[in-house]
Amino acid sequence: MLNDVKISVRQFAVLVMIYTIGTTILVIPSGLAADAKQDAWLAAIIGVGLNLLIVCLYNKVGGYFPNMTLTEYNEKLFGKWLGKILSLFFIFFSFVGAATVLFYMGNFVNTQVMPETPIQSINLIFAIVVVMGVRLGLETLIRAAEIFFPWIIMLFIILVACLCFFISLLAPSFYIAVTTFHQELLPSSLLISLAAQREGIPFPAFIEAVVMEVTFEILREAGVRLPKTVGQAVSIVGALVIGQAAVEAGLVSPAMVIIVAITAISNFVIPSFNMGITI
């Protein structure tokens, strides 16, 4: 194992983000979803941000004690005995966290990928990989993390693009189908809110969607053919004014305006411009 290996703040942040993303996917979903419910995705993002703040804290403290390890400056800051207790607690928590992640990783592979393989064998393979990583040292681990991190970001971008593709393709039709024919799929509070918004609207949801989609296409075509300096401004202002006026006039519901706007924005996320325009 290498001695006196130092890593940069960026490398430490990469390790923390990879660990947080992995545990959010494998370890936390059930408990996080039970507590945060529909806001679980937001709680996961906040968790990544808080962990990055901890990275900054460790970096700041390490800057004051550049030639000391965590256990050494714990003793210097909190005294000999309290510092040792905090260091032992930190090591114990890290060990328990690593063992938990190892177990959940093996359980995931066993249930989703190789159900016929004994979970003990899968956990043993992952444990061997962990031991090899510890044996090779921190520098090897951080180099591997730096190699995999861009692929994780790229996978996330691909998932977002695929999600936006399905939103742009299905959102209006899904909204019309649910609100018109399958109201039992919606929670009571949401159904009451949508019904209150549609009170006084003279058109069915299908006509609302067609009118709003055609209006948006007209604005987009106008923005493309106008000079570049004013084209985008005209499209944005036109969409805001027409959407607000249509809602106040009672021609369309606010929910339909939101659905059409989300659909239009999702179109622009699709990498292929021609495909986005087609959808």
Protein backbone atom coordinates (compact mmCIF):
# COMPACT_ATOMS: atom_id res chain seq x y z
CA MET A 1 0.00 0.00 0.00
CA LEU A 2 1.21 3.46 -0.85
CA ASN A 3 2.17 5.74 2.02
CA ASP A 4 1.59 9.49 2.38
CA VAL A 5 -0.87 9.59 -0.53
CA LYS A 6 -2.72 12.88 -0.89
CA ILE A 7 -5.77 13.56 -3.02
CA SER A 8 -7.18 16.87 -4.20
CA VAL A 9 -10.51 18.37 -3.20
CA ARG A 10 -11.90 17.54 -6.64
CA GLN A 11 -10.90 13.88 -6.27
CA PHE A 12 -12.44 13.73 -2.81
CA ALA A 13 -15.64 15.30 -4.16
CA VAL A 14 -15.76 12.67 -6.94
CA LEU A 15 -15.50 9.88 -4.36
CA VAL A 16 -18.25 11.42 -2.22
CA MET A 17 -20.60 11.93 -5.19
CA ILE A 18 -20.11 8.37 -6.45
CA TYR A 19 -20.70 6.96 -2.96
CA THR A 20 -23.79 9.13 -2.44
CA ILE A 21 -25.29 8.27 -5.82
CA GLY A 22 -24.65 4.56 -5.29
CA THR A 23 -26.15 4.45 -1.81
CA THR A 24 -29.14 6.52 -2.97
CA ILE A 25 -29.86 3.90 -5.63
CA LEU A 26 -29.13 0.72 -3.66
CA VAL A 27 -29.44 1.38 0.06
CA ILE A 28 -31.79 4.28 0.71
CA PRO A 29 -34.77 4.05 -1.73
CA SER A 30 -37.29 2.23 0.50
CA GLY A 31 -36.69 4.32 3.62
CA LEU A 32 -36.31 7.55 1.67
CA ALA A 33 -39.51 6.94 -0.29
CA ALA A 34 -41.40 6.04 2.89
CA ASP A 35 -40.43 9.31 4.61
CA ALA A 36 -40.20 11.79 1.71
CA LYS A 37 -42.81 10.12 -0.55
CA GLN A 38 -43.11 12.07 -3.84
CA ASP A 39 -40.24 14.35 -2.78
CA ALA A 40 -37.73 11.48 -2.50
CA TRP A 41 -35.85 12.62 -5.62
CA LEU A 42 -35.49 16.09 -4.14
CA ALA A 43 -34.21 14.67 -0.85
CA ALA A 44 -31.58 12.65 -2.75
CA ILE A 45 -30.33 15.77 -4.57
CA ILE A 46 -30.19 17.71 -1.29
CA GLY A 47 -28.22 14.81 0.21
CA VAL A 48 -25.58 15.12 -2.52
CA GLY A 49 -25.33 18.86 -1.86
CA LEU A 50 -24.94 18.36 1.90
CA ASN A 51 -22.23 15.76 1.33
CA LEU A 52 -20.35 18.22 -0.86
CA LEU A 53 -20.53 20.72 2.01
CA ILE A 54 -18.94 18.07 4.23
CA VAL A 55 -16.18 17.72 1.62
CA CYS A 56 -15.55 21.45 1.92
CA LEU A 57 -15.50 21.16 5.72
CA TYR A 58 -12.94 18.34 5.66
CA ASN A 59 -10.84 20.27 3.17
CA LYS A 60 -10.95 23.41 5.32
CA VAL A 61 -9.96 21.54 8.48
CA GLY A 62 -7.27 19.65 6.59
CA GLY A 63 -5.87 22.98 5.39
CA TYR A 64 -5.30 24.05 9.00
CA PHE A 65 -3.49 20.77 9.76
CA PRO A 66 -1.76 19.85 6.49
CA ASN A 67 0.66 17.32 7.95
CA MET A 68 -1.78 15.49 10.24
CA THR A 69 -4.21 12.64 9.74
CA LEU A 70 -7.85 12.77 10.80
CA THR A 71 -7.15 10.98 14.07
CA GLU A 72 -4.22 13.26 14.86
CA TYR A 73 -6.05 16.55 14.46
CA ASN A 74 -9.09 15.15 16.25
CA GLU A 75 -6.87 14.71 19.31
CA LYS A 76 -5.44 18.19 18.82
CA LEU A 77 -8.87 19.81 18.54
CA PHE A 78 -10.87 17.83 21.10
CA GLY A 79 -8.23 16.51 23.46
CA LYS A 80 -6.61 13.12 23.71
CA TRP A 81 -9.50 10.98 24.99
CA LEU A 82 -12.41 12.71 23.26
CA GLY A 83 -10.38 12.87 20.04
CA LYS A 84 -9.69 9.12 20.21
CA ILE A 85 -13.37 8.41 20.85
CA LEU A 86 -14.42 10.53 17.86
CA SER A 87 -11.82 8.87 15.65
CA LEU A 88 -12.95 5.38 16.72
CA PHE A 89 -16.56 6.38 16.10
CA PHE A 90 -15.64 7.65 12.62
CA ILE A 91 -13.77 4.43 11.79
CA PHE A 92 -16.60 2.27 13.16
CA PHE A 93 -19.22 4.19 11.18
CA SER A 94 -17.12 3.88 8.00
CA PHE A 95 -16.74 0.12 8.56
CA VAL A 96 -20.48 -0.36 9.15
CA GLY A 97 -21.31 1.80 6.12
CA ALA A 98 -18.94 -0.18 3.89
CA ALA A 99 -20.37 -3.50 5.13
CA THR A 100 -23.92 -2.27 4.55
CA VAL A 101 -23.16 -1.15 0.99
CA LEU A 102 -21.42 -4.47 0.31
CA PHE A 103 -24.45 -6.42 1.56
CA TYR A 104 -26.97 -4.38 -0.43
CA MET A 105 -24.85 -4.60 -3.57
CA GLY A 106 -24.71 -8.37 -3.28
CA ASN A 107 -28.43 -8.52 -2.53
CA PHE A 108 -29.21 -6.39 -5.59
CA VAL A 109 -27.12 -8.56 -7.91
CA ASN A 110 -28.61 -11.71 -6.39
CA THR A 111 -32.24 -10.64 -6.79
CA GLN A 112 -32.04 -8.76 -10.10
CA VAL A 113 -29.18 -10.28 -12.10
CA MET A 114 -28.18 -13.73 -10.81
CA PRO A 115 -31.07 -15.13 -8.72
CA GLU A 116 -29.73 -18.71 -8.91
CA THR A 117 -26.34 -17.78 -7.45
CA PRO A 118 -25.95 -17.98 -3.66
CA ILE A 119 -25.72 -14.52 -2.16
CA GLN A 120 -22.71 -15.59 -0.07
CA SER A 121 -20.72 -16.20 -3.25
CA ILE A 122 -21.64 -12.80 -4.67
CA ASN A 123 -20.75 -11.03 -1.43
CA LEU A 124 -17.44 -12.90 -1.33
CA ILE A 125 -16.55 -11.70 -4.83
CA PHE A 126 -17.32 -8.09 -3.91
CA ALA A 127 -15.38 -8.47 -0.66
CA ILE A 128 -12.34 -9.67 -2.62
CA VAL A 129 -12.59 -6.61 -4.87
CA VAL A 130 -12.75 -4.36 -1.79
CA VAL A 131 -9.71 -6.05 -0.24
CA MET A 132 -7.78 -5.67 -3.50
CA GLY A 133 -8.70 -1.98 -3.61
CA VAL A 134 -7.53 -1.43 -0.05
CA ARG A 135 -4.37 -3.37 -0.78
CA LEU A 136 -3.54 -1.28 -3.84
CA GLY A 137 -4.11 1.96 -1.94
CA LEU A 138 -6.13 5.14 -2.06
CA GLU A 139 -4.49 6.43 -5.23
CA THR A 140 -5.69 3.40 -7.19
CA LEU A 141 -9.22 3.85 -5.87
CA ILE A 142 -9.38 7.51 -6.79
CA ARG A 143 -7.96 6.85 -10.27
CA ALA A 144 -10.67 4.24 -10.85
CA ALA A 145 -13.32 6.66 -9.56
CA GLU A 146 -12.10 9.38 -11.93
CA ILE A 147 -12.33 6.95 -14.85
CA PHE A 148 -15.88 5.83 -14.03
CA PHE A 149 -17.29 9.22 -13.02
CA PRO A 150 -17.69 10.64 -16.58
CA TRP A 151 -19.52 7.44 -17.57
CA ILE A 152 -21.91 7.90 -14.64
CA ILE A 153 -22.60 11.48 -15.71
CA MET A 154 -23.11 10.37 -19.32
CA LEU A 155 -25.52 7.63 -18.20
CA PHE A 156 -27.47 10.19 -16.18
CA ILE A 157 -27.70 12.51 -19.21
CA ILE A 158 -28.92 9.62 -21.38
CA LEU A 159 -31.58 8.72 -18.81
CA VAL A 160 -32.76 12.35 -18.69
CA ALA A 161 -32.91 12.48 -22.50
CA CYS A 162 -34.93 9.23 -22.61
CA LEU A 163 -37.29 10.54 -19.93
CA CYS A 164 -37.81 13.77 -21.86
CA PHE A 165 -38.44 11.76 -25.04
CA PHE A 166 -41.28 9.83 -23.40
CA ILE A 167 -42.66 13.00 -21.76
CA SER A 168 -42.76 14.87 -25.07
CA LEU A 169 -44.32 11.86 -26.77
CA LEU A 170 -46.91 10.79 -24.17
CA ALA A 171 -47.59 13.61 -21.68
CA PRO A 172 -50.58 15.31 -23.41
CA SER A 173 -52.23 12.04 -24.42
CA PHE A 174 -51.65 10.53 -20.97
CA TYR A 175 -53.16 13.62 -19.30
CA ILE A 176 -56.22 13.52 -21.58
CA ALA A 177 -56.72 9.77 -21.04
CA VAL A 178 -56.45 9.99 -17.25
CA THR A 179 -58.58 13.09 -16.77
CA THR A 180 -61.26 12.02 -19.26
CA PHE A 181 -61.58 8.24 -18.94
CA HIS A 182 -59.61 7.01 -15.91
CA GLN A 183 -60.22 9.49 -13.11
CA GLU A 184 -60.00 6.67 -10.56
CA LEU A 185 -56.22 6.56 -11.09
CA LEU A 186 -55.80 10.04 -9.60
CA PRO A 187 -55.72 10.85 -5.87
CA SER A 188 -58.91 12.46 -4.65
CA SER A 189 -57.26 15.78 -3.78
CA LEU A 190 -55.64 16.05 -7.22
CA LEU A 191 -58.86 15.07 -8.98
CA ILE A 192 -60.81 17.74 -7.09
CA SER A 193 -58.17 20.36 -7.95
CA LEU A 194 -58.25 19.46 -11.66
CA ALA A 195 -62.05 19.45 -11.68
CA ALA A 196 -62.11 22.92 -10.08
CA GLN A 197 -59.68 24.20 -12.74
CA ARG A 198 -61.84 22.81 -15.55
CA GLU A 199 -65.02 24.36 -14.20
CA GLY A 200 -66.37 26.73 -16.84
CA ILE A 201 -64.02 25.50 -19.63
CA PRO A 202 -66.20 25.16 -22.76
CA PHE A 203 -63.98 22.63 -24.55
CA PRO A 204 -63.05 19.03 -23.76
CA ALA A 205 -59.47 18.24 -22.78
CA PHE A 206 -58.64 16.96 -26.27
CA ILE A 207 -59.61 20.27 -27.92
CA GLU A 208 -57.66 22.17 -25.25
CA ALA A 209 -54.53 20.17 -26.00
CA VAL A 210 -54.87 20.59 -29.78
CA VAL A 211 -55.39 24.36 -29.50
CA MET A 212 -52.44 24.83 -27.15
CA GLU A 213 -50.11 22.61 -29.21
CA VAL A 214 -51.02 24.42 -32.45
CA THR A 215 -50.54 27.79 -30.74
CA PHE A 216 -47.12 26.79 -29.48
CA GLU A 217 -46.09 25.54 -32.93
CA ILE A 218 -47.15 28.87 -34.44
CA LEU A 219 -45.04 30.74 -31.90
CA ARG A 220 -42.08 28.45 -32.52
CA GLU A 221 -42.28 28.88 -36.28
CA ALA A 222 -42.54 32.65 -35.82
CA GLY A 223 -39.47 32.63 -33.56
CA VAL A 224 -37.46 30.67 -36.12
CA ARG A 225 -38.28 33.06 -38.97
CA LEU A 226 -37.83 36.30 -37.06
CA PRO A 227 -34.35 37.83 -36.62
CA LYS A 228 -32.34 35.98 -34.01
CA THR A 229 -32.13 38.99 -31.68
CA VAL A 230 -35.92 39.20 -31.30
CA GLY A 231 -37.07 35.69 -32.25
CA GLN A 232 -36.49 34.08 -28.86
CA ALA A 233 -37.96 37.03 -26.98
CA VAL A 234 -41.10 36.97 -29.15
CA SER A 235 -41.55 33.24 -28.58
CA ILE A 236 -41.17 33.51 -24.80
CA VAL A 237 -43.29 36.63 -24.36
CA GLY A 238 -45.91 35.35 -26.80
CA ALA A 239 -46.21 32.04 -24.95
CA LEU A 240 -46.54 33.80 -21.58
CA VAL A 241 -49.10 36.33 -22.81
CA ILE A 242 -51.23 33.86 -24.76
CA GLY A 243 -51.12 31.24 -21.99
CA GLN A 244 -52.10 33.74 -19.30
CA ALA A 245 -54.82 35.28 -21.48
CA ALA A 246 -56.26 31.87 -22.37
CA VAL A 247 -56.45 30.86 -18.71
CA GLU A 248 -58.01 34.16 -17.62
CA ALA A 249 -60.52 33.97 -20.47
CA GLY A 250 -61.57 30.49 -19.35
CA LEU A 251 -60.63 28.85 -22.65
CA VAL A 252 -58.07 26.39 -21.23
CA SER A 253 -57.23 25.13 -17.75
CA PRO A 254 -53.95 25.98 -15.98
CA ALA A 255 -53.08 22.28 -15.79
CA MET A 256 -53.27 21.96 -19.58
CA VAL A 257 -50.96 24.96 -20.01
CA ILE A 258 -48.44 23.29 -17.66
CA ILE A 259 -48.65 19.97 -19.53
CA VAL A 260 -48.12 21.62 -22.92
CA ALA A 261 -45.24 23.72 -21.57
CA ILE A 262 -43.50 20.66 -20.09
CA THR A 263 -43.99 18.82 -23.37
CA ALA A 264 -42.49 21.70 -25.34
CA ILE A 265 -39.49 22.02 -23.03
CA SER A 266 -38.89 18.26 -23.18
CA ASN A 267 -38.76 18.51 -26.98
CA PHE A 268 -35.74 20.80 -26.75
CA VAL A 269 -33.88 18.35 -24.47
CA ILE A 270 -33.89 15.64 -27.15
CA PRO A 271 -30.38 15.63 -28.76
CA SER A 272 -31.68 15.39 -32.31
CA PHE A 273 -33.34 18.67 -33.28
CA ASN A 274 -35.21 17.09 -36.19
CA MET A 275 -36.54 14.32 -33.96
CA GLY A 276 -37.65 16.87 -31.33
CA ILE A 277 -39.50 18.92 -33.94
CA THR A 278 -41.12 15.76 -35.34
CA ILE A 279 -42.36 14.66 -31.93
